[in-house]
Amino acid sequence: QRTISQSHTAQLAMFTGVFNLLWATVTVLMIVRPGS
């Protein structure tokens, strides 16, 4: 029952966005396989 600050959720959203971007990049690499 304690409130959280906007900065805490913003920081989590940033880390989540980086995580998702990395996975999207891996997925594209696995499909395109440049130089294969």
PDB file of all heavy atoms in Angstrom:
ATOM      1  N   GLN A   1       0.814  -1.221   0.000  1.00  0.00           N
ATOM      2  CA  GLN A   1       0.000   0.000   0.000  1.00  0.00           C
ATOM      3  C   GLN A   1       0.846   1.269   0.000  1.00  0.00           C
ATOM      4  O   GLN A   1       0.462   2.297   0.559  1.00  0.00           O
ATOM      5  CB  GLN A   1      -0.965   0.017   1.203  1.00  0.00           C
ATOM      6  CG  GLN A   1      -1.965  -1.119   1.223  1.00  0.00           C
ATOM      7  CD  GLN A   1      -2.969  -0.997   0.083  1.00  0.00           C
ATOM      8  OE1 GLN A   1      -3.516   0.060  -0.164  1.00  0.00           O
ATOM      9  NE2 GLN A   1      -3.200  -2.093  -0.611  1.00  0.00           N
ATOM     10  N   ARG A   2       2.026   1.206  -0.629  1.00  0.00           N
ATOM     11  CA  ARG A   2       2.880   2.384  -0.757  1.00  0.00           C
ATOM     12  C   ARG A   2       2.882   2.817  -2.220  1.00  0.00           C
ATOM     13  O   ARG A   2       2.973   1.978  -3.115  1.00  0.00           O
ATOM     14  CB  ARG A   2       4.310   2.076  -0.308  1.00  0.00           C
ATOM     15  CG  ARG A   2       4.406   1.711   1.169  1.00  0.00           C
ATOM     16  CD  ARG A   2       5.817   1.401   1.535  1.00  0.00           C
ATOM     17  NE  ARG A   2       6.303   0.335   0.653  1.00  0.00           N
ATOM     18  CZ  ARG A   2       7.108  -0.631   1.017  1.00  0.00           C
ATOM     19  NH1 ARG A   2       7.568  -0.678   2.240  1.00  0.00           N
ATOM     20  NH2 ARG A   2       7.504  -1.546   0.179  1.00  0.00           N
ATOM     21  N   THR A   3       2.818   4.098  -2.432  1.00  0.00           N
ATOM     22  CA  THR A   3       2.828   4.601  -3.805  1.00  0.00           C
ATOM     23  C   THR A   3       4.235   4.510  -4.387  1.00  0.00           C
ATOM     24  O   THR A   3       5.219   4.409  -3.654  1.00  0.00           O
ATOM     25  CB  THR A   3       2.339   6.062  -3.872  1.00  0.00           C
ATOM     26  OG1 THR A   3       3.196   6.863  -3.067  1.00  0.00           O
ATOM     27  CG2 THR A   3       0.903   6.183  -3.410  1.00  0.00           C
ATOM     28  N   ILE A   4       4.288   4.559  -5.690  1.00  0.00           N
ATOM     29  CA  ILE A   4       5.574   4.522  -6.384  1.00  0.00           C
ATOM     30  C   ILE A   4       5.713   5.796  -7.207  1.00  0.00           C
ATOM     31  O   ILE A   4       4.722   6.416  -7.588  1.00  0.00           O
ATOM     32  CB  ILE A   4       5.698   3.282  -7.285  1.00  0.00           C
ATOM     33  CG1 ILE A   4       4.526   3.185  -8.250  1.00  0.00           C
ATOM     34  CG2 ILE A   4       5.826   2.029  -6.466  1.00  0.00           C
ATOM     35  CD1 ILE A   4       4.615   2.056  -9.238  1.00  0.00           C
ATOM     36  N   SER A   5       6.941   6.170  -7.474  1.00  0.00           N
ATOM     37  CA  SER A   5       7.159   7.402  -8.227  1.00  0.00           C
ATOM     38  C   SER A   5       7.178   7.114  -9.725  1.00  0.00           C
ATOM     39  O   SER A   5       7.435   5.986 -10.161  1.00  0.00           O
ATOM     40  CB  SER A   5       8.476   8.056  -7.810  1.00  0.00           C
ATOM     41  OG  SER A   5       9.564   7.277  -8.252  1.00  0.00           O
ATOM     42  N   GLN A   6       6.933   8.147 -10.482  1.00  0.00           N
ATOM     43  CA  GLN A   6       6.950   8.056 -11.936  1.00  0.00           C
ATOM     44  C   GLN A   6       8.325   7.606 -12.427  1.00  0.00           C
ATOM     45  O   GLN A   6       8.432   6.860 -13.394  1.00  0.00           O
ATOM     46  CB  GLN A   6       6.590   9.428 -12.532  1.00  0.00           C
ATOM     47  CG  GLN A   6       6.692   9.526 -14.028  1.00  0.00           C
ATOM     48  CD  GLN A   6       5.503   8.937 -14.741  1.00  0.00           C
ATOM     49  OE1 GLN A   6       4.457   8.733 -14.144  1.00  0.00           O
ATOM     50  NE2 GLN A   6       5.660   8.682 -16.016  1.00  0.00           N
ATOM     51  N   SER A   7       9.384   8.043 -11.753  1.00  0.00           N
ATOM     52  CA  SER A   7      10.739   7.692 -12.203  1.00  0.00           C
ATOM     53  C   SER A   7      11.002   6.186 -12.099  1.00  0.00           C
ATOM     54  O   SER A   7      11.730   5.627 -12.915  1.00  0.00           O
ATOM     55  CB  SER A   7      11.790   8.465 -11.409  1.00  0.00           C
ATOM     56  OG  SER A   7      11.768   8.084 -10.054  1.00  0.00           O
ATOM     57  N   HIS A   8      10.402   5.534 -11.098  1.00  0.00           N
ATOM     58  CA  HIS A   8      10.594   4.087 -10.965  1.00  0.00           C
ATOM     59  C   HIS A   8       9.963   3.333 -12.132  1.00  0.00           C
ATOM     60  O   HIS A   8      10.569   2.418 -12.683  1.00  0.00           O
ATOM     61  CB  HIS A   8      10.015   3.581  -9.647  1.00  0.00           C
ATOM     62  CG  HIS A   8      10.861   3.918  -8.469  1.00  0.00           C
ATOM     63  ND1 HIS A   8      10.635   5.026  -7.698  1.00  0.00           N
ATOM     64  CD2 HIS A   8      11.938   3.291  -7.947  1.00  0.00           C
ATOM     65  CE1 HIS A   8      11.542   5.069  -6.747  1.00  0.00           C
ATOM     66  NE2 HIS A   8      12.352   4.041  -6.872  1.00  0.00           N
ATOM     67  N   THR A   9       8.755   3.705 -12.505  1.00  0.00           N
ATOM     68  CA  THR A   9       8.107   3.012 -13.618  1.00  0.00           C
ATOM     69  C   THR A   9       8.750   3.406 -14.948  1.00  0.00           C
ATOM     70  O   THR A   9       8.832   2.588 -15.862  1.00  0.00           O
ATOM     71  CB  THR A   9       6.596   3.280 -13.658  1.00  0.00           C
ATOM     72  OG1 THR A   9       6.359   4.682 -13.733  1.00  0.00           O
ATOM     73  CG2 THR A   9       5.904   2.681 -12.443  1.00  0.00           C
ATOM     74  N   ALA A  10       9.217   4.643 -15.052  1.00  0.00           N
ATOM     75  CA  ALA A  10       9.881   5.077 -16.287  1.00  0.00           C
ATOM     76  C   ALA A  10      11.188   4.310 -16.482  1.00  0.00           C
ATOM     77  O   ALA A  10      11.515   3.891 -17.599  1.00  0.00           O
ATOM     78  CB  ALA A  10      10.140   6.575 -16.257  1.00  0.00           C
ATOM     79  N   GLN A  11      11.921   4.111 -15.400  1.00  0.00           N
ATOM     80  CA  GLN A  11      13.176   3.362 -15.490  1.00  0.00           C
ATOM     81  C   GLN A  11      12.908   1.900 -15.872  1.00  0.00           C
ATOM     82  O   GLN A  11      13.605   1.332 -16.721  1.00  0.00           O
ATOM     83  CB  GLN A  11      13.914   3.436 -14.164  1.00  0.00           C
ATOM     84  CG  GLN A  11      15.317   2.900 -14.228  1.00  0.00           C
ATOM     85  CD  GLN A  11      16.037   3.068 -12.912  1.00  0.00           C
ATOM     86  OE1 GLN A  11      15.535   2.618 -11.885  1.00  0.00           O
ATOM     87  NE2 GLN A  11      17.189   3.695 -12.945  1.00  0.00           N
ATOM     88  N   LEU A  12      11.870   1.313 -15.285  1.00  0.00           N
ATOM     89  CA  LEU A  12      11.507  -0.055 -15.644  1.00  0.00           C
ATOM     90  C   LEU A  12      11.086  -0.123 -17.110  1.00  0.00           C
ATOM     91  O   LEU A  12      11.472  -1.040 -17.828  1.00  0.00           O
ATOM     92  CB  LEU A  12      10.385  -0.573 -14.743  1.00  0.00           C
ATOM     93  CG  LEU A  12       9.825  -1.958 -15.112  1.00  0.00           C
ATOM     94  CD1 LEU A  12      10.914  -3.018 -15.069  1.00  0.00           C
ATOM     95  CD2 LEU A  12       8.670  -2.307 -14.200  1.00  0.00           C
ATOM     96  N   ALA A  13      10.323   0.849 -17.569  1.00  0.00           N
ATOM     97  CA  ALA A  13       9.897   0.879 -18.972  1.00  0.00           C
ATOM     98  C   ALA A  13      11.102   0.990 -19.906  1.00  0.00           C
ATOM     99  O   ALA A  13      11.130   0.357 -20.972  1.00  0.00           O
ATOM    100  CB  ALA A  13       8.932   2.036 -19.205  1.00  0.00           C
ATOM    101  N   MET A  14      12.108   1.756 -19.503  1.00  0.00           N
ATOM    102  CA  MET A  14      13.309   1.889 -20.325  1.00  0.00           C
ATOM    103  C   MET A  14      14.036   0.552 -20.439  1.00  0.00           C
ATOM    104  O   MET A  14      14.396   0.116 -21.538  1.00  0.00           O
ATOM    105  CB  MET A  14      14.249   2.938 -19.734  1.00  0.00           C
ATOM    106  CG  MET A  14      15.559   3.069 -20.506  1.00  0.00           C
ATOM    107  SD  MET A  14      16.833   3.960 -19.610  1.00  0.00           S
ATOM    108  CE  MET A  14      17.164   2.881 -18.234  1.00  0.00           C
ATOM    109  N   PHE A  15      14.251  -0.125 -19.318  1.00  0.00           N
ATOM    110  CA  PHE A  15      14.934  -1.417 -19.350  1.00  0.00           C
ATOM    111  C   PHE A  15      14.123  -2.441 -20.144  1.00  0.00           C
ATOM    112  O   PHE A  15      14.680  -3.238 -20.895  1.00  0.00           O
ATOM    113  CB  PHE A  15      15.198  -1.934 -17.930  1.00  0.00           C
ATOM    114  CG  PHE A  15      16.274  -1.191 -17.212  1.00  0.00           C
ATOM    115  CD1 PHE A  15      16.058  -0.641 -15.969  1.00  0.00           C
ATOM    116  CD2 PHE A  15      17.532  -1.044 -17.789  1.00  0.00           C
ATOM    117  CE1 PHE A  15      17.055   0.040 -15.299  1.00  0.00           C
ATOM    118  CE2 PHE A  15      18.547  -0.360 -17.124  1.00  0.00           C
ATOM    119  CZ  PHE A  15      18.299   0.186 -15.880  1.00  0.00           C
ATOM    120  N   THR A  16      12.814  -2.399 -19.980  1.00  0.00           N
ATOM    121  CA  THR A  16      11.954  -3.305 -20.734  1.00  0.00           C
ATOM    122  C   THR A  16      12.041  -3.020 -22.230  1.00  0.00           C
ATOM    123  O   THR A  16      12.096  -3.954 -23.040  1.00  0.00           O
ATOM    124  CB  THR A  16      10.496  -3.173 -20.248  1.00  0.00           C
ATOM    125  OG1 THR A  16      10.442  -3.492 -18.853  1.00  0.00           O
ATOM    126  CG2 THR A  16       9.574  -4.107 -21.004  1.00  0.00           C
ATOM    127  N   GLY A  17      12.082  -1.759 -22.598  1.00  0.00           N
ATOM    128  CA  GLY A  17      12.214  -1.398 -24.006  1.00  0.00           C
ATOM    129  C   GLY A  17      13.519  -1.878 -24.600  1.00  0.00           C
ATOM    130  O   GLY A  17      13.551  -2.387 -25.731  1.00  0.00           O
ATOM    131  N   VAL A  18      14.606  -1.764 -23.862  1.00  0.00           N
ATOM    132  CA  VAL A  18      15.905  -2.253 -24.340  1.00  0.00           C
ATOM    133  C   VAL A  18      15.855  -3.778 -24.486  1.00  0.00           C
ATOM    134  O   VAL A  18      16.314  -4.329 -25.496  1.00  0.00           O
ATOM    135  CB  VAL A  18      17.051  -1.820 -23.397  1.00  0.00           C
ATOM    136  CG1 VAL A  18      18.362  -2.498 -23.762  1.00  0.00           C
ATOM    137  CG2 VAL A  18      17.208  -0.306 -23.426  1.00  0.00           C
ATOM    138  N   PHE A  19      15.283  -4.456 -23.509  1.00  0.00           N
ATOM    139  CA  PHE A  19      15.123  -5.911 -23.581  1.00  0.00           C
ATOM    140  C   PHE A  19      14.334  -6.305 -24.829  1.00  0.00           C
ATOM    141  O   PHE A  19      14.744  -7.185 -25.589  1.00  0.00           O
ATOM    142  CB  PHE A  19      14.421  -6.411 -22.308  1.00  0.00           C
ATOM    143  CG  PHE A  19      13.933  -7.824 -22.390  1.00  0.00           C
ATOM    144  CD1 PHE A  19      14.816  -8.886 -22.304  1.00  0.00           C
ATOM    145  CD2 PHE A  19      12.576  -8.099 -22.555  1.00  0.00           C
ATOM    146  CE1 PHE A  19      14.360 -10.201 -22.380  1.00  0.00           C
ATOM    147  CE2 PHE A  19      12.116  -9.406 -22.627  1.00  0.00           C
ATOM    148  CZ  PHE A  19      13.018 -10.457 -22.542  1.00  0.00           C
ATOM    149  N   ASN A  20      13.210  -5.634 -25.070  1.00  0.00           N
ATOM    150  CA  ASN A  20      12.374  -5.953 -26.231  1.00  0.00           C
ATOM    151  C   ASN A  20      13.089  -5.651 -27.542  1.00  0.00           C
ATOM    152  O   ASN A  20      12.969  -6.408 -28.506  1.00  0.00           O
ATOM    153  CB  ASN A  20      11.053  -5.189 -26.157  1.00  0.00           C
ATOM    154  CG  ASN A  20      10.160  -5.708 -25.050  1.00  0.00           C
ATOM    155  OD1 ASN A  20      10.353  -6.786 -24.521  1.00  0.00           O
ATOM    156  ND2 ASN A  20       9.165  -4.915 -24.687  1.00  0.00           N
ATOM    157  N   LEU A  21      13.826  -4.569 -27.583  1.00  0.00           N
ATOM    158  CA  LEU A  21      14.570  -4.211 -28.795  1.00  0.00           C
ATOM    159  C   LEU A  21      15.641  -5.265 -29.110  1.00  0.00           C
ATOM    160  O   LEU A  21      15.823  -5.651 -30.266  1.00  0.00           O
ATOM    161  CB  LEU A  21      15.208  -2.831 -28.642  1.00  0.00           C
ATOM    162  CG  LEU A  21      16.007  -2.317 -29.835  1.00  0.00           C
ATOM    163  CD1 LEU A  21      15.111  -2.169 -31.056  1.00  0.00           C
ATOM    164  CD2 LEU A  21      16.652  -0.984 -29.489  1.00  0.00           C
ATOM    165  N   LEU A  22      16.319  -5.732 -28.082  1.00  0.00           N
ATOM    166  CA  LEU A  22      17.325  -6.781 -28.289  1.00  0.00           C
ATOM    167  C   LEU A  22      16.686  -8.054 -28.840  1.00  0.00           C
ATOM    168  O   LEU A  22      17.195  -8.669 -29.776  1.00  0.00           O
ATOM    169  CB  LEU A  22      18.081  -7.071 -26.995  1.00  0.00           C
ATOM    170  CG  LEU A  22      19.045  -5.976 -26.537  1.00  0.00           C
ATOM    171  CD1 LEU A  22      19.551  -6.271 -25.131  1.00  0.00           C
ATOM    172  CD2 LEU A  22      20.194  -5.835 -27.505  1.00  0.00           C
ATOM    173  N   TRP A  23      15.535  -8.447 -28.275  1.00  0.00           N
ATOM    174  CA  TRP A  23      14.869  -9.653 -28.756  1.00  0.00           C
ATOM    175  C   TRP A  23      14.352  -9.480 -30.170  1.00  0.00           C
ATOM    176  O   TRP A  23      14.414 -10.416 -30.979  1.00  0.00           O
ATOM    177  CB  TRP A  23      13.725 -10.068 -27.833  1.00  0.00           C
ATOM    178  CG  TRP A  23      14.201 -11.020 -26.803  1.00  0.00           C
ATOM    179  CD1 TRP A  23      14.198 -10.830 -25.449  1.00  0.00           C
ATOM    180  CD2 TRP A  23      14.792 -12.302 -27.011  1.00  0.00           C
ATOM    181  NE1 TRP A  23      14.754 -11.911 -24.825  1.00  0.00           N
ATOM    182  CE2 TRP A  23      15.124 -12.834 -25.757  1.00  0.00           C
ATOM    183  CE3 TRP A  23      15.080 -13.054 -28.145  1.00  0.00           C
ATOM    184  CZ2 TRP A  23      15.712 -14.083 -25.599  1.00  0.00           C
ATOM    185  CZ3 TRP A  23      15.670 -14.297 -27.992  1.00  0.00           C
ATOM    186  CH2 TRP A  23      15.975 -14.795 -26.737  1.00  0.00           C
ATOM    187  N   ALA A  24      13.852  -8.307 -30.490  1.00  0.00           N
ATOM    188  CA  ALA A  24      13.391  -8.064 -31.863  1.00  0.00           C
ATOM    189  C   ALA A  24      14.561  -8.168 -32.837  1.00  0.00           C
ATOM    190  O   ALA A  24      14.427  -8.752 -33.923  1.00  0.00           O
ATOM    191  CB  ALA A  24      12.728  -6.698 -31.960  1.00  0.00           C
ATOM    192  N   THR A  25      15.704  -7.638 -32.458  1.00  0.00           N
ATOM    193  CA  THR A  25      16.890  -7.704 -33.306  1.00  0.00           C
ATOM    194  C   THR A  25      17.339  -9.148 -33.505  1.00  0.00           C
ATOM    195  O   THR A  25      17.671  -9.559 -34.618  1.00  0.00           O
ATOM    196  CB  THR A  25      18.034  -6.864 -32.700  1.00  0.00           C
ATOM    197  OG1 THR A  25      17.567  -5.527 -32.499  1.00  0.00           O
ATOM    198  CG2 THR A  25      19.251  -6.857 -33.597  1.00  0.00           C
ATOM    199  N   VAL A  26      17.336  -9.931 -32.436  1.00  0.00           N
ATOM    200  CA  VAL A  26      17.707 -11.349 -32.538  1.00  0.00           C
ATOM    201  C   VAL A  26      16.741 -12.082 -33.468  1.00  0.00           C
ATOM    202  O   VAL A  26      17.161 -12.876 -34.322  1.00  0.00           O
ATOM    203  CB  VAL A  26      17.741 -12.015 -31.145  1.00  0.00           C
ATOM    204  CG1 VAL A  26      17.844 -13.530 -31.257  1.00  0.00           C
ATOM    205  CG2 VAL A  26      18.888 -11.469 -30.322  1.00  0.00           C
ATOM    206  N   THR A  27      15.461 -11.804 -33.329  1.00  0.00           N
ATOM    207  CA  THR A  27      14.464 -12.458 -34.184  1.00  0.00           C
ATOM    208  C   THR A  27      14.705 -12.128 -35.649  1.00  0.00           C
ATOM    209  O   THR A  27      14.682 -13.016 -36.507  1.00  0.00           O
ATOM    210  CB  THR A  27      13.040 -12.045 -33.759  1.00  0.00           C
ATOM    211  OG1 THR A  27      12.855 -12.377 -32.380  1.00  0.00           O
ATOM    212  CG2 THR A  27      12.000 -12.754 -34.591  1.00  0.00           C
ATOM    213  N   VAL A  28      14.977 -10.870 -35.944  1.00  0.00           N
ATOM    214  CA  VAL A  28      15.254 -10.475 -37.327  1.00  0.00           C
ATOM    215  C   VAL A  28      16.519 -11.163 -37.834  1.00  0.00           C
ATOM    216  O   VAL A  28      16.558 -11.677 -38.958  1.00  0.00           O
ATOM    217  CB  VAL A  28      15.353  -8.932 -37.446  1.00  0.00           C
ATOM    218  CG1 VAL A  28      15.910  -8.520 -38.798  1.00  0.00           C
ATOM    219  CG2 VAL A  28      13.996  -8.297 -37.214  1.00  0.00           C
ATOM    220  N   LEU A  29      17.561 -11.188 -37.014  1.00  0.00           N
ATOM    221  CA  LEU A  29      18.804 -11.860 -37.426  1.00  0.00           C
ATOM    222  C   LEU A  29      18.576 -13.344 -37.709  1.00  0.00           C
ATOM    223  O   LEU A  29      19.160 -13.903 -38.650  1.00  0.00           O
ATOM    224  CB  LEU A  29      19.889 -11.697 -36.362  1.00  0.00           C
ATOM    225  CG  LEU A  29      20.581 -10.346 -36.311  1.00  0.00           C
ATOM    226  CD1 LEU A  29      21.491 -10.265 -35.094  1.00  0.00           C
ATOM    227  CD2 LEU A  29      21.365 -10.093 -37.581  1.00  0.00           C
ATOM    228  N   MET A  30      17.742 -13.973 -36.915  1.00  0.00           N
ATOM    229  CA  MET A  30      17.478 -15.395 -37.119  1.00  0.00           C
ATOM    230  C   MET A  30      16.682 -15.649 -38.398  1.00  0.00           C
ATOM    231  O   MET A  30      16.816 -16.714 -39.010  1.00  0.00           O
ATOM    232  CB  MET A  30      16.714 -15.981 -35.922  1.00  0.00           C
ATOM    233  CG  MET A  30      17.545 -16.112 -34.694  1.00  0.00           C
ATOM    234  SD  MET A  30      18.821 -17.342 -34.985  1.00  0.00           S
ATOM    235  CE  MET A  30      20.049 -16.809 -33.876  1.00  0.00           C
ATOM    236  N   ILE A  31      15.876 -14.708 -38.798  1.00  0.00           N
ATOM    237  CA  ILE A  31      15.090 -14.875 -40.016  1.00  0.00           C
ATOM    238  C   ILE A  31      15.893 -14.469 -41.258  1.00  0.00           C
ATOM    239  O   ILE A  31      15.953 -15.201 -42.240  1.00  0.00           O
ATOM    240  CB  ILE A  31      13.778 -14.060 -39.928  1.00  0.00           C
ATOM    241  CG1 ILE A  31      12.886 -14.646 -38.832  1.00  0.00           C
ATOM    242  CG2 ILE A  31      13.043 -14.051 -41.267  1.00  0.00           C
ATOM    243  CD1 ILE A  31      11.697 -13.786 -38.481  1.00  0.00           C
ATOM    244  N   VAL A  32      16.553 -13.313 -41.205  1.00  0.00           N
ATOM    245  CA  VAL A  32      17.272 -12.779 -42.370  1.00  0.00           C
ATOM    246  C   VAL A  32      18.617 -13.468 -42.567  1.00  0.00           C
ATOM    247  O   VAL A  32      19.034 -13.723 -43.690  1.00  0.00           O
ATOM    248  CB  VAL A  32      17.441 -11.249 -42.233  1.00  0.00           C
ATOM    249  CG1 VAL A  32      18.278 -10.691 -43.357  1.00  0.00           C
ATOM    250  CG2 VAL A  32      16.074 -10.571 -42.179  1.00  0.00           C
ATOM    251  N   ARG A  33      19.337 -13.751 -41.469  1.00  0.00           N
ATOM    252  CA  ARG A  33      20.652 -14.385 -41.491  1.00  0.00           C
ATOM    253  C   ARG A  33      21.580 -13.711 -42.515  1.00  0.00           C
ATOM    254  O   ARG A  33      21.955 -14.317 -43.521  1.00  0.00           O
ATOM    255  CB  ARG A  33      20.526 -15.868 -41.780  1.00  0.00           C
ATOM    256  CG  ARG A  33      19.734 -16.616 -40.746  1.00  0.00           C
ATOM    257  CD  ARG A  33      19.661 -18.108 -40.971  1.00  0.00           C
ATOM    258  NE  ARG A  33      19.790 -18.578 -42.317  1.00  0.00           N
ATOM    259  CZ  ARG A  33      18.778 -18.777 -43.168  1.00  0.00           C
ATOM    260  NH1 ARG A  33      17.551 -18.515 -42.790  1.00  0.00           N
ATOM    261  NH2 ARG A  33      18.993 -19.243 -44.394  1.00  0.00           N
ATOM    262  N   PRO A  34      21.956 -12.460 -42.276  1.00  0.00           N
ATOM    263  CA  PRO A  34      22.783 -11.741 -43.262  1.00  0.00           C
ATOM    264  C   PRO A  34      24.112 -12.457 -43.518  1.00  0.00           C
ATOM    265  O   PRO A  34      24.789 -12.884 -42.601  1.00  0.00           O
ATOM    266  CB  PRO A  34      23.010 -10.377 -42.598  1.00  0.00           C
ATOM    267  CG  PRO A  34      22.629 -10.526 -41.174  1.00  0.00           C
ATOM    268  CD  PRO A  34      21.709 -11.688 -41.081  1.00  0.00           C
ATOM    269  N   GLY A  35      24.444 -12.590 -44.780  1.00  0.00           N
ATOM    270  CA  GLY A  35      25.687 -13.230 -45.168  1.00  0.00           C
ATOM    271  C   GLY A  35      25.647 -14.745 -45.173  1.00  0.00           C
ATOM    272  O   GLY A  35      26.631 -15.403 -45.466  1.00  0.00           O
ATOM    273  N   SER A  36      24.491 -15.333 -44.845  1.00  0.00           N
ATOM    274  CA  SER A  36      24.387 -16.778 -44.792  1.00  0.00           C
ATOM    275  C   SER A  36      24.460 -17.382 -46.181  1.00  0.00           C
ATOM    276  O   SER A  36      23.925 -16.858 -47.138  1.00  0.00           O
ATOM    277  CB  SER A  36      23.058 -17.177 -44.126  1.00  0.00           C
ATOM    278  OG  SER A  36      22.900 -18.575 -44.159  1.00  0.00           O
TER     279      SER A  36
END
